[in-house]
Protein backbone atom coordinates (compact mmCIF):
# COMPACT_ATOMS: atom_id res chain seq x y z
CA UNK A 1 5.74 52.14 31.52
CA UNK A 2 5.23 48.61 29.48
CA UNK A 3 8.41 45.84 28.87
CA UNK A 4 7.94 45.86 25.35
CA UNK A 5 10.94 43.61 25.10
CA UNK A 6 9.61 41.45 27.81
CA UNK A 7 6.38 41.02 26.48
CA UNK A 8 8.12 40.19 22.82
CA UNK A 9 10.36 37.47 24.49
CA UNK A 10 7.24 35.72 26.36
CA UNK A 11 5.56 35.98 22.77
CA UNK A 12 7.94 34.40 20.62
CA UNK A 13 8.71 31.34 23.23
CA UNK A 14 5.30 30.71 23.56
CA UNK A 15 4.82 30.47 19.77
CA UNK A 16 7.80 28.46 19.53
CA UNK A 17 6.45 25.82 21.98
CA UNK A 18 3.40 25.75 20.62
CA UNK A 19 4.51 24.82 17.28
CA UNK A 20 6.57 21.93 18.59
CA UNK A 21 2.87 20.22 19.99
CA UNK A 22 1.55 20.83 16.18
CA UNK A 23 3.59 18.04 14.40
CA UNK A 24 1.82 15.12 13.75
CA UNK A 25 4.08 12.04 14.26
CA UNK A 26 1.81 9.70 14.46
CA UNK A 27 1.26 6.56 12.29
CA UNK A 28 -0.34 6.92 8.77
CA UNK A 29 -2.44 4.19 7.60
CA UNK A 30 -0.52 2.61 4.64
CA UNK A 31 -1.91 -0.15 1.53
CA UNK A 32 -0.08 -2.90 0.07
CA UNK A 33 -0.62 -4.38 -3.12
CA UNK A 34 0.03 -8.16 -3.19
CA UNK A 35 1.28 -9.18 -6.63
CA UNK A 36 1.57 -12.89 -7.55
CA UNK A 37 4.36 -13.87 -10.23
CA UNK A 38 2.73 -17.70 -11.64
CA UNK A 39 4.22 -19.52 -14.32
CA UNK A 40 1.05 -20.82 -14.67
CA UNK A 41 -1.77 -19.07 -16.51
CA UNK A 42 -5.18 -21.54 -15.39
CA UNK A 43 -4.53 -21.16 -11.36
CA UNK A 44 -7.37 -21.24 -9.53
CA UNK A 45 -6.81 -21.09 -6.23
CA UNK A 46 -3.94 -19.47 -3.67
CA UNK A 47 -3.75 -19.69 -0.10
CA UNK A 48 -0.84 -16.66 1.14
CA UNK A 49 0.22 -15.51 4.11
CA UNK A 50 1.54 -11.84 4.95
CA UNK A 51 3.60 -11.60 8.57
CA UNK A 52 5.78 -8.48 9.75
CA UNK A 53 2.45 -6.35 11.73
CA UNK A 54 -1.02 -6.00 12.37
CA UNK A 55 -2.75 -5.99 9.53
CA UNK A 56 -6.10 -3.71 9.52
CA UNK A 57 -7.83 -5.84 6.40
CA UNK A 58 -7.76 -7.13 3.72
CA UNK A 59 -9.15 -6.18 0.58
CA UNK A 60 -10.01 -7.69 -2.26
CA UNK A 61 -9.75 -6.33 -6.52
CA UNK A 62 -12.12 -8.77 -8.33
CA UNK A 63 -11.97 -12.23 -7.05
CA UNK A 64 -12.77 -14.36 -4.07
CA UNK A 65 -11.23 -14.13 -0.69
CA UNK A 66 -11.45 -15.47 3.31
CA UNK A 67 -9.21 -14.45 5.68
CA UNK A 68 -8.19 -14.87 9.06
CA UNK A 69 -6.05 -12.44 10.83
CA UNK A 70 -3.86 -12.59 14.21
CA UNK A 71 -2.17 -10.03 16.11
CA UNK A 72 0.92 -9.56 13.22
CA UNK A 73 -0.31 -12.16 10.45
CA UNK A 74 -3.33 -12.48 7.85
CA UNK A 75 -3.98 -15.16 5.96
CA UNK A 76 -6.04 -15.58 2.95
CA UNK A 77 -7.43 -18.05 0.20
CA UNK A 78 -8.06 -15.98 -3.01
CA UNK A 79 -10.05 -18.02 -5.73
CA UNK A 80 -11.06 -17.95 -9.38
CA UNK A 81 -9.46 -17.16 -12.64
CA UNK A 82 -5.41 -16.19 -11.49
CA UNK A 83 -2.21 -15.79 -12.87
CA UNK A 84 0.67 -13.06 -12.50
CA UNK A 85 -0.35 -9.16 -11.26
CA UNK A 86 -2.28 -8.14 -8.08
CA UNK A 87 -4.38 -10.52 -5.89
CA UNK A 88 -5.16 -8.24 -3.12
CA UNK A 89 -4.52 -5.68 -1.09
CA UNK A 90 -3.39 -5.34 2.61
CA UNK A 91 -4.55 -2.18 4.74
CA UNK A 92 -1.97 -1.76 7.34
CA UNK A 93 -1.91 1.03 9.82
CA UNK A 94 1.25 2.48 9.46
CA UNK A 95 2.62 2.84 6.04
CA UNK A 96 5.65 3.89 7.25
CA UNK A 97 6.68 0.06 8.66
CA UNK A 98 5.49 -1.45 4.75
CA UNK A 99 9.33 -2.82 4.77
CA UNK A 100 8.95 -4.98 7.68
CA UNK A 101 6.11 -6.80 5.83
CA UNK A 102 6.82 -10.58 3.84
CA UNK A 103 4.32 -12.94 2.36
CA UNK A 104 4.77 -16.15 0.85
CA UNK A 105 2.66 -18.83 -1.11
CA UNK A 106 1.20 -22.20 0.94
CA UNK A 107 -0.50 -23.82 -1.34
CA UNK A 108 -1.49 -23.39 -4.94
CA UNK A 109 -4.40 -25.46 -7.07
CA UNK A 110 -5.09 -25.97 -10.61
CA UNK A 111 -8.32 -24.24 -11.98
CA UNK A 112 -9.99 -27.19 -13.45
CA UNK A 113 -8.42 -30.66 -12.12
CA UNK A 114 -8.01 -29.04 -8.42
CA UNK A 115 -4.07 -30.51 -8.58
CA UNK A 116 -2.27 -29.25 -6.01
CA UNK A 117 0.95 -27.35 -7.90
CA UNK A 118 4.25 -26.18 -6.05
CA UNK A 119 4.40 -23.15 -3.96
CA UNK A 120 8.15 -22.68 -4.44
CA UNK A 121 7.69 -22.00 -7.87
CA UNK A 122 5.32 -18.35 -7.11
CA UNK A 123 6.78 -15.43 -6.00
CA UNK A 124 4.47 -12.49 -4.21
CA UNK A 125 5.69 -8.95 -3.32
CA UNK A 126 4.20 -6.30 -1.58
CA UNK A 127 3.94 -3.07 -3.16
CA UNK A 128 3.27 0.04 -1.74
């Protein structure tokens, strides 16, 4: 005679333990859009830095872009006919950590004259 109650209990326990193993709790990559607010309409180059965690890559949104990464930040230069709006996308390894990232403007140059502009007049937002 088979003990069906015991087999059911073992089956239930095995299913319960295995269901805990299927939960995907690893990081899911994310993208941060780098948006610049500019007081000028004729910017020609921006030097930006993003820090707060690792950066997988920097993607252009239509402008020439030059970047260098370190373990927890990225610096990049965007050139072209710039103004307010999106200038790049930052790919990060864990989208749930997006709030840890911050950005600042290091230098700005005018498009035609290459005259330096005050970077404090510019602001950056990082939006998922």
